[in-house]
Structures are given as structure tokens and as C-alpha cells.
Protein backbone atom coordinates (compact mmCIF):
# COMPACT_ATOMS: atom_id res chain seq x y z
CA UNK A 1 106.76 118.48 116.85
CA UNK A 2 109.54 120.24 118.35
CA UNK A 3 108.93 117.62 121.48
CA UNK A 4 109.92 114.88 119.09
CA UNK A 5 113.22 116.63 118.10
CA UNK A 6 116.22 115.40 120.49
CA UNK A 7 117.42 118.98 122.58
CA UNK A 8 120.89 118.70 120.66
CA UNK A 9 119.14 118.99 117.09
CA UNK A 10 116.72 121.35 118.43
CA UNK A 11 119.69 123.63 119.77
CA UNK A 12 121.18 123.42 116.06
CA UNK A 13 117.93 124.31 114.37
CA UNK A 14 117.34 127.27 116.64
CA UNK A 15 121.15 128.49 115.60
CA UNK A 16 120.55 128.20 112.05
CA UNK A 17 117.03 129.92 112.55
CA UNK A 18 118.70 132.58 114.73
CA UNK A 19 121.54 132.89 111.94
CA UNK A 20 119.22 133.31 109.50
CA UNK A 21 117.13 136.24 111.18
CA UNK A 22 120.46 137.91 112.15
CA UNK A 23 121.65 137.85 108.39
CA UNK A 24 118.08 139.09 107.35
CA UNK A 25 118.33 142.14 109.73
CA UNK A 26 121.88 142.73 108.23
CA UNK A 27 120.30 142.70 105.19
CA UNK A 28 117.99 145.35 106.06
CA UNK A 29 120.54 147.46 107.48
CA UNK A 30 122.69 147.13 104.46
CA UNK A 31 119.63 148.30 102.02
CA UNK A 32 118.79 151.35 104.12
CA UNK A 33 122.29 152.43 104.21
CA UNK A 34 122.55 151.80 100.38
CA UNK A 35 124.72 149.32 100.11
CA UNK A 36 123.14 147.10 97.99
CA UNK A 37 125.87 144.18 97.38
CA UNK A 38 126.49 143.50 100.78
CA UNK A 39 122.67 143.31 101.48
CA UNK A 40 122.38 140.72 98.56
CA UNK A 41 125.09 138.63 100.48
CA UNK A 42 123.37 138.91 103.72
CA UNK A 43 120.34 137.72 101.94
CA UNK A 44 121.82 134.87 100.30
CA UNK A 45 123.31 133.64 103.81
CA UNK A 46 120.08 134.30 105.68
CA UNK A 47 118.09 131.90 102.88
CA UNK A 48 121.31 129.32 103.07
CA UNK A 49 120.96 129.10 106.83
CA UNK A 50 117.06 128.82 106.63
CA UNK A 51 117.06 126.21 104.02
CA UNK A 52 119.65 124.30 105.92
CA UNK A 53 117.16 124.52 109.02
CA UNK A 54 114.19 123.65 106.93
CA UNK A 55 115.80 120.71 104.93
CA UNK A 56 117.50 119.11 107.79
CA UNK A 57 116.77 115.34 107.33
CA UNK A 58 115.44 114.80 110.95
CA UNK A 59 113.07 117.33 110.24
CA UNK A 60 111.89 116.35 106.88
CA UNK A 61 110.85 113.09 108.66
CA UNK A 62 108.20 114.98 110.60
CA UNK A 63 106.94 116.47 107.66
CA UNK A 64 106.27 113.35 105.73
CA UNK A 65 102.55 112.36 106.34
CA UNK A 66 101.24 108.65 106.13
CA UNK A 67 99.22 107.96 102.90
CA UNK A 68 96.33 107.03 105.45
CA UNK A 69 96.12 110.92 106.21
CA UNK A 70 96.51 112.53 102.99
CA UNK A 71 93.62 109.85 101.84
CA UNK A 72 91.62 111.12 105.07
CA UNK A 73 92.07 114.82 104.04
CA UNK A 74 91.81 114.89 100.37
CA UNK A 75 88.87 112.16 99.98
CA UNK A 76 86.22 114.90 101.27
CA UNK A 77 87.69 117.29 98.65
CA UNK A 78 87.79 114.79 95.67
CA UNK A 79 84.79 112.67 96.35
CA UNK A 80 82.09 115.13 95.71
CA UNK A 81 83.67 116.51 92.32
CA UNK A 82 84.44 113.21 91.40
CA UNK A 83 80.63 112.01 91.54
CA UNK A 84 79.17 114.20 88.87
CA UNK A 85 82.47 113.50 86.66
CA UNK A 86 81.76 110.06 86.76
CA UNK A 87 78.27 110.23 86.09
CA UNK A 88 79.08 112.59 82.85
CA UNK A 89 81.49 109.83 81.70
CA UNK A 90 78.89 107.20 82.10
CA UNK A 91 76.37 109.33 80.47
CA UNK A 92 78.68 109.83 77.61
CA UNK A 93 79.63 106.22 77.09
CA UNK A 94 76.12 105.26 77.07
CA UNK A 95 75.32 107.76 74.24
CA UNK A 96 78.50 106.43 72.37
CA UNK A 97 77.35 102.70 72.72
CA UNK A 98 73.74 103.88 71.61
CA UNK A 99 74.90 105.75 68.46
CA UNK A 100 77.42 103.19 67.47
CA UNK A 101 74.63 100.35 67.89
CA UNK A 102 72.59 102.71 65.58
CA UNK A 103 75.41 103.05 63.05
CA UNK A 104 76.02 99.33 62.81
CA UNK A 105 72.56 98.60 62.58
CA UNK A 106 71.98 100.80 59.43
CA UNK A 107 74.98 99.26 57.30
CA UNK A 108 73.94 97.07 54.95
CA UNK A 109 75.21 93.26 55.78
CA UNK A 110 76.91 90.93 53.59
């Protein structure tokens, strides 16, 4: 994925990630010193930098998978589960139709 991104964008993302890691380290230092207000501010800055790097539009384009890929991944998971469910549904439907016919056959006509 990193090879598909332009080098300028890669430097920008690297800067944002480095900033996030630096802010996390500062937050940890503030926590060990007992300055929880400054630690919260540093943690918030770290989260903002990490989200900015992760939610960059060109990175999001790399995270979207085509529908055929999703189908290929999830079909082997859902197909074995869906077969018994469909069999049970068909069995219940046949049972309902049979009972309905018995009920309507027992009603007086006319």
C-alpha cells in the first residue's frame, strides 16, 4: 500500500504519525509527573494527529475494497450457515402449507 502513495503524501503521513507518537510520549511523561491536565491535552493532540493520518482521503481510497473481493471473502463464511437456515425455512413453509390445506379442507363449504 505504501508503494502506491506518492512520496510527498508519504512524508506528510509520516510527519503526522511521528507527531502522534511524540504526543503520546509527552502524555506518558505528563502522567508520570502527575500533570493529568497536560497529559489529557497531549493525548488529545496525539489522537487528532493519528486520525488526520488515518483519515486522509488518499489513504481511505486504499482501504476500500471492491465488491467482488468482499463477496469472495464472505461467501465461504455465510454459505455454510445459510444452507441449513434455508432448509429449515423450506421445511417450515411446507409444514404451514400442509396445515393450511388440512384446515381449509375441514371447513364446511357453502
